[in-house]
Amino acid sequence: MITQIKVASSSSVFKVAGAISNIMRNQNYLDISTVGAGSLNQAIKAIAIARGFLIPSGIDIYIIPSFKDIMIGDKEKTAIKIRIEKK
């Protein structure tokens, strides 16, 4: 069971959307972690595309955003965690 994926600003939106779709077909939730505006942008676009992939098969999703402190190297950063759940 995959419970978390990380999205970078360089992540392919369509690959992330495909991963989200495949995971959400088989489980009830998924957490996405992003750090920075670019990765958040890619994640939101991927979620919108994934929702379009899932709706025809009768699966709808919604998101719950929150903040999360993480360590990158020796520095503490604030990440945005996006929980995706089935409706």
PDB file of N, CA and C in Angstrom:
ATOM      1  N   MET A   1       0.843  -1.184   0.000  1.00  0.00           N
ATOM      2  CA  MET A   1       0.000   0.000   0.000  1.00  0.00           C
ATOM      3  C   MET A   1       0.889   1.248   0.000  1.00  0.00           C
ATOM      4  N   ILE A   2       0.715   2.077  -0.983  1.00  0.00           N
ATOM      5  CA  ILE A   2       1.457   3.334  -1.064  1.00  0.00           C
ATOM      6  C   ILE A   2       0.633   4.406  -0.352  1.00  0.00           C
ATOM      7  N   THR A   3       1.225   5.035   0.650  1.00  0.00           N
ATOM      8  CA  THR A   3       0.470   6.040   1.399  1.00  0.00           C
ATOM      9  C   THR A   3       0.939   7.465   1.129  1.00  0.00           C
ATOM     10  N   GLN A   4       2.127   7.612   0.524  1.00  0.00           N
ATOM     11  CA  GLN A   4       2.652   8.958   0.291  1.00  0.00           C
ATOM     12  C   GLN A   4       3.505   8.995  -0.968  1.00  0.00           C
ATOM     13  N   ILE A   5       3.354  10.088  -1.733  1.00  0.00           N
ATOM     14  CA  ILE A   5       4.264  10.367  -2.838  1.00  0.00           C
ATOM     15  C   ILE A   5       4.749  11.805  -2.688  1.00  0.00           C
ATOM     16  N   LYS A   6       5.908  12.065  -3.243  1.00  0.00           N
ATOM     17  CA  LYS A   6       6.475  13.414  -3.223  1.00  0.00           C
ATOM     18  C   LYS A   6       6.457  13.952  -4.641  1.00  0.00           C
ATOM     19  N   VAL A   7       6.087  15.217  -4.777  1.00  0.00           N
ATOM     20  CA  VAL A   7       6.039  15.863  -6.088  1.00  0.00           C
ATOM     21  C   VAL A   7       7.037  17.014  -6.088  1.00  0.00           C
ATOM     22  N   ALA A   8       7.857  17.072  -7.123  1.00  0.00           N
ATOM     23  CA  ALA A   8       8.837  18.144  -7.293  1.00  0.00           C
ATOM     24  C   ALA A   8       8.362  19.089  -8.395  1.00  0.00           C
ATOM     25  N   SER A   9       8.993  20.240  -8.477  1.00  0.00           N
ATOM     26  CA  SER A   9       8.630  21.197  -9.524  1.00  0.00           C
ATOM     27  C   SER A   9       8.954  20.650 -10.910  1.00  0.00           C
ATOM     28  N   SER A  10       9.862  19.685 -10.973  1.00  0.00           N
ATOM     29  CA  SER A  10      10.235  19.082 -12.259  1.00  0.00           C
ATOM     30  C   SER A  10       9.433  17.816 -12.575  1.00  0.00           C
ATOM     31  N   SER A  11       8.507  17.432 -11.701  1.00  0.00           N
ATOM     32  CA  SER A  11       7.709  16.218 -11.920  1.00  0.00           C
ATOM     33  C   SER A  11       6.789  16.386 -13.122  1.00  0.00           C
ATOM     34  N   SER A  12       6.642  15.311 -13.885  1.00  0.00           N
ATOM     35  CA  SER A  12       5.723  15.298 -15.019  1.00  0.00           C
ATOM     36  C   SER A  12       4.287  15.234 -14.499  1.00  0.00           C
ATOM     37  N   VAL A  13       3.481  16.214 -14.869  1.00  0.00           N
ATOM     38  CA  VAL A  13       2.101  16.289 -14.396  1.00  0.00           C
ATOM     39  C   VAL A  13       1.324  15.039 -14.797  1.00  0.00           C
ATOM     40  N   PHE A  14       1.486  14.569 -16.017  1.00  0.00           N
ATOM     41  CA  PHE A  14       0.726  13.414 -16.479  1.00  0.00           C
ATOM     42  C   PHE A  14       1.181  12.117 -15.812  1.00  0.00           C
ATOM     43  N   LYS A  15       2.474  11.981 -15.508  1.00  0.00           N
ATOM     44  CA  LYS A  15       2.949  10.796 -14.788  1.00  0.00           C
ATOM     45  C   LYS A  15       2.421  10.786 -13.356  1.00  0.00           C
ATOM     46  N   VAL A  16       2.433  11.952 -12.707  1.00  0.00           N
ATOM     47  CA  VAL A  16       1.900  12.045 -11.344  1.00  0.00           C
ATOM     48  C   VAL A  16       0.396  11.777 -11.350  1.00  0.00           C
ATOM     49  N   ALA A  17      -0.322  12.322 -12.330  1.00  0.00           N
ATOM     50  CA  ALA A  17      -1.770  12.095 -12.446  1.00  0.00           C
ATOM     51  C   ALA A  17      -2.060  10.606 -12.635  1.00  0.00           C
ATOM     52  N   GLY A  18      -1.281   9.942 -13.451  1.00  0.00           N
ATOM     53  CA  GLY A  18      -1.449   8.504 -13.655  1.00  0.00           C
ATOM     54  C   GLY A  18      -1.208   7.724 -12.374  1.00  0.00           C
ATOM     55  N   ALA A  19      -0.174   8.099 -11.646  1.00  0.00           N
ATOM     56  CA  ALA A  19       0.126   7.431 -10.375  1.00  0.00           C
ATOM     57  C   ALA A  19      -1.012   7.633  -9.370  1.00  0.00           C
ATOM     58  N   ILE A  20      -1.497   8.870  -9.268  1.00  0.00           N
ATOM     59  CA  ILE A  20      -2.608   9.157  -8.359  1.00  0.00           C
ATOM     60  C   ILE A  20      -3.826   8.319  -8.737  1.00  0.00           C
ATOM     61  N   SER A  21      -4.153   8.287 -10.011  1.00  0.00           N
ATOM     62  CA  SER A  21      -5.320   7.530 -10.488  1.00  0.00           C
ATOM     63  C   SER A  21      -5.194   6.057 -10.147  1.00  0.00           C
ATOM     64  N   ASN A  22      -4.039   5.474 -10.438  1.00  0.00           N
ATOM     65  CA  ASN A  22      -3.838   4.051 -10.168  1.00  0.00           C
ATOM     66  C   ASN A  22      -3.918   3.736  -8.677  1.00  0.00           C
ATOM     67  N   ILE A  23      -3.323   4.583  -7.869  1.00  0.00           N
ATOM     68  CA  ILE A  23      -3.350   4.358  -6.421  1.00  0.00           C
ATOM     69  C   ILE A  23      -4.774   4.514  -5.876  1.00  0.00           C
ATOM     70  N   MET A  24      -5.484   5.550  -6.307  1.00  0.00           N
ATOM     71  CA  MET A  24      -6.819   5.811  -5.766  1.00  0.00           C
ATOM     72  C   MET A  24      -7.858   4.799  -6.252  1.00  0.00           C
ATOM     73  N   ARG A  25      -7.575   4.081  -7.310  1.00  0.00           N
ATOM     74  CA  ARG A  25      -8.488   3.009  -7.731  1.00  0.00           C
ATOM     75  C   ARG A  25      -8.439   1.841  -6.738  1.00  0.00           C
ATOM     76  N   ASN A  26      -7.319   1.699  -6.031  1.00  0.00           N
ATOM     77  CA  ASN A  26      -7.106   0.551  -5.158  1.00  0.00           C
ATOM     78  C   ASN A  26      -7.129   0.842  -3.666  1.00  0.00           C
ATOM     79  N   GLN A  27      -7.152   2.108  -3.294  1.00  0.00           N
ATOM     80  CA  GLN A  27      -7.185   2.435  -1.871  1.00  0.00           C
ATOM     81  C   GLN A  27      -7.978   3.710  -1.633  1.00  0.00           C
ATOM     82  N   ASN A  28      -8.193   4.038  -0.351  1.00  0.00           N
ATOM     83  CA  ASN A  28      -9.105   5.131   0.003  1.00  0.00           C
ATOM     84  C   ASN A  28      -8.443   6.487   0.201  1.00  0.00           C
ATOM     85  N   TYR A  29      -7.126   6.518   0.352  1.00  0.00           N
ATOM     86  CA  TYR A  29      -6.457   7.805   0.548  1.00  0.00           C
ATOM     87  C   TYR A  29      -5.015   7.748   0.063  1.00  0.00           C
ATOM     88  N   LEU A  30      -4.451   8.939  -0.124  1.00  0.00           N
ATOM     89  CA  LEU A  30      -3.061   9.109  -0.528  1.00  0.00           C
ATOM     90  C   LEU A  30      -2.612  10.477  -0.053  1.00  0.00           C
ATOM     91  N   ASP A  31      -1.382  10.568   0.465  1.00  0.00           N
ATOM     92  CA  ASP A  31      -0.803  11.850   0.855  1.00  0.00           C
ATOM     93  C   ASP A  31       0.249  12.258  -0.168  1.00  0.00           C
ATOM     94  N   ILE A  32       0.206  13.533  -0.541  1.00  0.00           N
ATOM     95  CA  ILE A  32       1.207  14.094  -1.450  1.00  0.00           C
ATOM     96  C   ILE A  32       1.959  15.177  -0.680  1.00  0.00           C
ATOM     97  N   SER A  33       3.285  15.151  -0.734  1.00  0.00           N
ATOM     98  CA  SER A  33       4.114  16.170  -0.094  1.00  0.00           C
ATOM     99  C   SER A  33       4.739  17.066  -1.144  1.00  0.00           C
ATOM    100  N   THR A  34       4.698  18.369  -0.909  1.00  0.00           N
ATOM    101  CA  THR A  34       5.319  19.340  -1.803  1.00  0.00           C
ATOM    102  C   THR A  34       6.090  20.369  -0.981  1.00  0.00           C
ATOM    103  N   VAL A  35       7.176  20.870  -1.548  1.00  0.00           N
ATOM    104  CA  VAL A  35       7.925  21.963  -0.935  1.00  0.00           C
ATOM    105  C   VAL A  35       8.144  23.005  -2.006  1.00  0.00           C
ATOM    106  N   GLY A  36       7.571  24.173  -1.833  1.00  0.00           N
ATOM    107  CA  GLY A  36       7.735  25.250  -2.794  1.00  0.00           C
ATOM    108  C   GLY A  36       6.551  25.384  -3.739  1.00  0.00           C
ATOM    109  N   ALA A  37       6.467  26.563  -4.333  1.00  0.00           N
ATOM    110  CA  ALA A  37       5.338  26.891  -5.203  1.00  0.00           C
ATOM    111  C   ALA A  37       5.306  26.045  -6.468  1.00  0.00           C
ATOM    112  N   GLY A  38       6.464  25.757  -7.043  1.00  0.00           N
ATOM    113  CA  GLY A  38       6.513  24.980  -8.282  1.00  0.00           C
ATOM    114  C   GLY A  38       5.994  23.566  -8.096  1.00  0.00           C
ATOM    115  N   SER A  39       6.393  22.919  -7.014  1.00  0.00           N
ATOM    116  CA  SER A  39       5.929  21.546  -6.781  1.00  0.00           C
ATOM    117  C   SER A  39       4.454  21.523  -6.393  1.00  0.00           C
ATOM    118  N   LEU A  40       3.997  22.521  -5.662  1.00  0.00           N
ATOM    119  CA  LEU A  40       2.572  22.607  -5.332  1.00  0.00           C
ATOM    120  C   LEU A  40       1.745  22.782  -6.604  1.00  0.00           C
ATOM    121  N   ASN A  41       2.222  23.609  -7.516  1.00  0.00           N
ATOM    122  CA  ASN A  41       1.541  23.824  -8.789  1.00  0.00           C
ATOM    123  C   ASN A  41       1.426  22.511  -9.572  1.00  0.00           C
ATOM    124  N   GLN A  42       2.508  21.761  -9.661  1.00  0.00           N
ATOM    125  CA  GLN A  42       2.492  20.486 -10.377  1.00  0.00           C
ATOM    126  C   GLN A  42       1.530  19.497  -9.714  1.00  0.00           C
ATOM    127  N   ALA A  43       1.531  19.473  -8.397  1.00  0.00           N
ATOM    128  CA  ALA A  43       0.663  18.543  -7.674  1.00  0.00           C
ATOM    129  C   ALA A  43      -0.813  18.860  -7.899  1.00  0.00           C
ATOM    130  N   ILE A  44      -1.181  20.128  -7.827  1.00  0.00           N
ATOM    131  CA  ILE A  44      -2.587  20.511  -8.001  1.00  0.00           C
ATOM    132  C   ILE A  44      -3.048  20.205  -9.426  1.00  0.00           C
ATOM    133  N   LYS A  45      -2.198  20.503 -10.415  1.00  0.00           N
ATOM    134  CA  LYS A  45      -2.564  20.166 -11.802  1.00  0.00           C
ATOM    135  C   LYS A  45      -2.736  18.662 -11.959  1.00  0.00           C
ATOM    136  N   ALA A  46      -1.839  17.886 -11.361  1.00  0.00           N
ATOM    137  CA  ALA A  46      -1.924  16.425 -11.459  1.00  0.00           C
ATOM    138  C   ALA A  46      -3.191  15.897 -10.791  1.00  0.00           C
ATOM    139  N   ILE A  47      -3.580  16.467  -9.671  1.00  0.00           N
ATOM    140  CA  ILE A  47      -4.804  16.038  -8.984  1.00  0.00           C
ATOM    141  C   ILE A  47      -6.025  16.334  -9.847  1.00  0.00           C
ATOM    142  N   ALA A  48      -6.046  17.500 -10.472  1.00  0.00           N
ATOM    143  CA  ALA A  48      -7.175  17.849 -11.347  1.00  0.00           C
ATOM    144  C   ALA A  48      -7.269  16.881 -12.528  1.00  0.00           C
ATOM    145  N   ILE A  49      -6.138  16.542 -13.120  1.00  0.00           N
ATOM    146  CA  ILE A  49      -6.130  15.602 -14.241  1.00  0.00           C
ATOM    147  C   ILE A  49      -6.544  14.209 -13.758  1.00  0.00           C
ATOM    148  N   ALA A  50      -6.023  13.777 -12.616  1.00  0.00           N
ATOM    149  CA  ALA A  50      -6.370  12.465 -12.071  1.00  0.00           C
ATOM    150  C   ALA A  50      -7.867  12.368 -11.793  1.00  0.00           C
ATOM    151  N   ARG A  51      -8.448  13.439 -11.296  1.00  0.00           N
ATOM    152  CA  ARG A  51      -9.897  13.435 -11.043  1.00  0.00           C
ATOM    153  C   ARG A  51     -10.657  13.205 -12.346  1.00  0.00           C
ATOM    154  N   GLY A  52     -10.189  13.831 -13.420  1.00  0.00           N
ATOM    155  CA  GLY A  52     -10.793  13.612 -14.727  1.00  0.00           C
ATOM    156  C   GLY A  52     -10.660  12.166 -15.198  1.00  0.00           C
ATOM    157  N   PHE A  53      -9.552  11.509 -14.845  1.00  0.00           N
ATOM    158  CA  PHE A  53      -9.363  10.092 -15.178  1.00  0.00           C
ATOM    159  C   PHE A  53     -10.304   9.197 -14.362  1.00  0.00           C
ATOM    160  N   LEU A  54     -10.546   9.575 -13.104  1.00  0.00           N
ATOM    161  CA  LEU A  54     -11.292   8.718 -12.184  1.00  0.00           C
ATOM    162  C   LEU A  54     -12.808   8.854 -12.284  1.00  0.00           C
ATOM    163  N   ILE A  55     -13.307  10.038 -12.575  1.00  0.00           N
ATOM    164  CA  ILE A  55     -14.760  10.299 -12.595  1.00  0.00           C
ATOM    165  C   ILE A  55     -15.514   9.315 -13.508  1.00  0.00           C
ATOM    166  N   PRO A  56     -15.040   9.045 -14.733  1.00  0.00           N
ATOM    167  CA  PRO A  56     -15.792   8.123 -15.596  1.00  0.00           C
ATOM    168  C   PRO A  56     -15.954   6.715 -15.015  1.00  0.00           C
ATOM    169  N   SER A  57     -15.050   6.311 -14.126  1.00  0.00           N
ATOM    170  CA  SER A  57     -15.168   4.986 -13.517  1.00  0.00           C
ATOM    171  C   SER A  57     -15.935   5.024 -12.195  1.00  0.00           C
ATOM    172  N   GLY A  58     -16.559   6.164 -11.904  1.00  0.00           N
ATOM    173  CA  GLY A  58     -17.400   6.279 -10.713  1.00  0.00           C
ATOM    174  C   GLY A  58     -16.658   6.617  -9.436  1.00  0.00           C
ATOM    175  N   ILE A  59     -15.408   7.031  -9.547  1.00  0.00           N
ATOM    176  CA  ILE A  59     -14.618   7.405  -8.360  1.00  0.00           C
ATOM    177  C   ILE A  59     -14.427   8.908  -8.368  1.00  0.00           C
ATOM    178  N   ASP A  60     -14.841   9.563  -7.285  1.00  0.00           N
ATOM    179  CA  ASP A  60     -14.592  11.000  -7.142  1.00  0.00           C
ATOM    180  C   ASP A  60     -13.675  11.202  -5.943  1.00  0.00           C
ATOM    181  N   ILE A  61     -12.852  12.228  -6.004  1.00  0.00           N
ATOM    182  CA  ILE A  61     -11.887  12.494  -4.942  1.00  0.00           C
ATOM    183  C   ILE A  61     -12.004  13.932  -4.468  1.00  0.00           C
ATOM    184  N   TYR A  62     -11.510  14.174  -3.269  1.00  0.00           N
ATOM    185  CA  TYR A  62     -11.395  15.531  -2.752  1.00  0.00           C
ATOM    186  C   TYR A  62     -10.074  15.628  -2.003  1.00  0.00           C
ATOM    187  N   ILE A  63      -9.648  16.863  -1.714  1.00  0.00           N
ATOM    188  CA  ILE A  63      -8.354  17.057  -1.057  1.00  0.00           C
ATOM    189  C   ILE A  63      -8.507  17.785   0.263  1.00  0.00           C
ATOM    190  N   ILE A  64      -7.558  17.506   1.172  1.00  0.00           N
ATOM    191  CA  ILE A  64      -7.471  18.188   2.456  1.00  0.00           C
ATOM    192  C   ILE A  64      -6.025  18.682   2.585  1.00  0.00           C
ATOM    193  N   PRO A  65      -5.786  19.989   2.410  1.00  0.00           N
ATOM    194  CA  PRO A  65      -4.415  20.503   2.512  1.00  0.00           C
ATOM    195  C   PRO A  65      -4.037  20.815   3.963  1.00  0.00           C
ATOM    196  N   SER A  66      -2.747  20.651   4.271  1.00  0.00           N
ATOM    197  CA  SER A  66      -2.244  21.014   5.598  1.00  0.00           C
ATOM    198  C   SER A  66      -0.742  21.302   5.489  1.00  0.00           C
ATOM    199  N   PHE A  67      -0.195  21.879   6.550  1.00  0.00           N
ATOM    200  CA  PHE A  67       1.240  22.149   6.603  1.00  0.00           C
ATOM    201  C   PHE A  67       1.939  21.045   7.379  1.00  0.00           C
ATOM    202  N   LYS A  68       3.213  20.837   7.053  1.00  0.00           N
ATOM    203  CA  LYS A  68       4.003  19.798   7.703  1.00  0.00           C
ATOM    204  C   LYS A  68       5.451  20.271   7.736  1.00  0.00           C
ATOM    205  N   ASP A  69       6.091  20.222   8.895  1.00  0.00           N
ATOM    206  CA  ASP A  69       7.506  20.565   9.009  1.00  0.00           C
ATOM    207  C   ASP A  69       8.338  19.328   8.690  1.00  0.00           C
ATOM    208  N   ILE A  70       9.321  19.509   7.790  1.00  0.00           N
ATOM    209  CA  ILE A  70      10.195  18.398   7.404  1.00  0.00           C
ATOM    210  C   ILE A  70      11.649  18.860   7.454  1.00  0.00           C
ATOM    211  N   MET A  71      12.554  17.908   7.524  1.00  0.00           N
ATOM    212  CA  MET A  71      13.977  18.212   7.495  1.00  0.00           C
ATOM    213  C   MET A  71      14.522  17.872   6.108  1.00  0.00           C
ATOM    214  N   ILE A  72      15.189  18.829   5.485  1.00  0.00           N
ATOM    215  CA  ILE A  72      15.894  18.616   4.230  1.00  0.00           C
ATOM    216  C   ILE A  72      17.346  18.951   4.511  1.00  0.00           C
ATOM    217  N   GLY A  73      18.164  17.902   4.538  1.00  0.00           N
ATOM    218  CA  GLY A  73      19.549  18.104   4.965  1.00  0.00           C
ATOM    219  C   GLY A  73      19.541  18.470   6.436  1.00  0.00           C
ATOM    220  N   ASP A  74      20.131  19.608   6.763  1.00  0.00           N
ATOM    221  CA  ASP A  74      20.137  20.061   8.154  1.00  0.00           C
ATOM    222  C   ASP A  74      19.205  21.251   8.378  1.00  0.00           C
ATOM    223  N   LYS A  75      18.329  21.518   7.407  1.00  0.00           N
ATOM    224  CA  LYS A  75      17.412  22.659   7.511  1.00  0.00           C
ATOM    225  C   LYS A  75      15.970  22.187   7.624  1.00  0.00           C
ATOM    226  N   GLU A  76      15.230  22.875   8.497  1.00  0.00           N
ATOM    227  CA  GLU A  76      13.810  22.585   8.624  1.00  0.00           C
ATOM    228  C   GLU A  76      13.038  23.412   7.599  1.00  0.00           C
ATOM    229  N   LYS A  77      12.165  22.770   6.857  1.00  0.00           N
ATOM    230  CA  LYS A  77      11.348  23.433   5.840  1.00  0.00           C
ATOM    231  C   LYS A  77       9.885  23.150   6.140  1.00  0.00           C
ATOM    232  N   THR A  78       9.032  24.015   5.630  1.00  0.00           N
ATOM    233  CA  THR A  78       7.598  23.786   5.735  1.00  0.00           C
ATOM    234  C   THR A  78       7.107  23.241   4.408  1.00  0.00           C
ATOM    235  N   ALA A  79       6.517  22.063   4.472  1.00  0.00           N
ATOM    236  CA  ALA A  79       5.953  21.423   3.281  1.00  0.00           C
ATOM    237  C   ALA A  79       4.439  21.569   3.340  1.00  0.00           C
ATOM    238  N   ILE A  80       3.819  21.418   2.194  1.00  0.00           N
ATOM    239  CA  ILE A  80       2.367  21.338   2.151  1.00  0.00           C
ATOM    240  C   ILE A  80       2.024  19.889   1.872  1.00  0.00           C
ATOM    241  N   LYS A  81       1.220  19.323   2.766  1.00  0.00           N
ATOM    242  CA  LYS A  81       0.751  17.948   2.603  1.00  0.00           C
ATOM    243  C   LYS A  81      -0.671  18.021   2.069  1.00  0.00           C
ATOM    244  N   ILE A  82      -0.926  17.288   1.014  1.00  0.00           N
ATOM    245  CA  ILE A  82      -2.262  17.237   0.424  1.00  0.00           C
ATOM    246  C   ILE A  82      -2.766  15.805   0.573  1.00  0.00           C
ATOM    247  N   ARG A  83      -3.797  15.637   1.390  1.00  0.00           N
ATOM    248  CA  ARG A  83      -4.417  14.323   1.503  1.00  0.00           C
ATOM    249  C   ARG A  83      -5.515  14.224   0.462  1.00  0.00           C
ATOM    250  N   ILE A  84      -5.483  13.155  -0.313  1.00  0.00           N
ATOM    251  CA  ILE A  84      -6.524  12.867  -1.297  1.00  0.00           C
ATOM    252  C   ILE A  84      -7.360  11.726  -0.736  1.00  0.00           C
ATOM    253  N   GLU A  85      -8.666  11.915  -0.728  1.00  0.00           N
ATOM    254  CA  GLU A  85      -9.572  10.867  -0.243  1.00  0.00           C
ATOM    255  C   GLU A  85     -10.699  10.668  -1.248  1.00  0.00           C
ATOM    256  N   LYS A  86     -11.266   9.464  -1.223  1.00  0.00           N
ATOM    257  CA  LYS A  86     -12.434   9.190  -2.050  1.00  0.00           C
ATOM    258  C   LYS A  86     -13.658   9.805  -1.393  1.00  0.00           C
ATOM    259  N   LYS A  87     -14.584  10.287  -2.225  1.00  0.00           N
ATOM    260  CA  LYS A  87     -15.855  10.802  -1.703  1.00  0.00           C
ATOM    261  C   LYS A  87     -16.754   9.641  -1.363  1.00  0.00           C
TER     262      LYS A  87
END
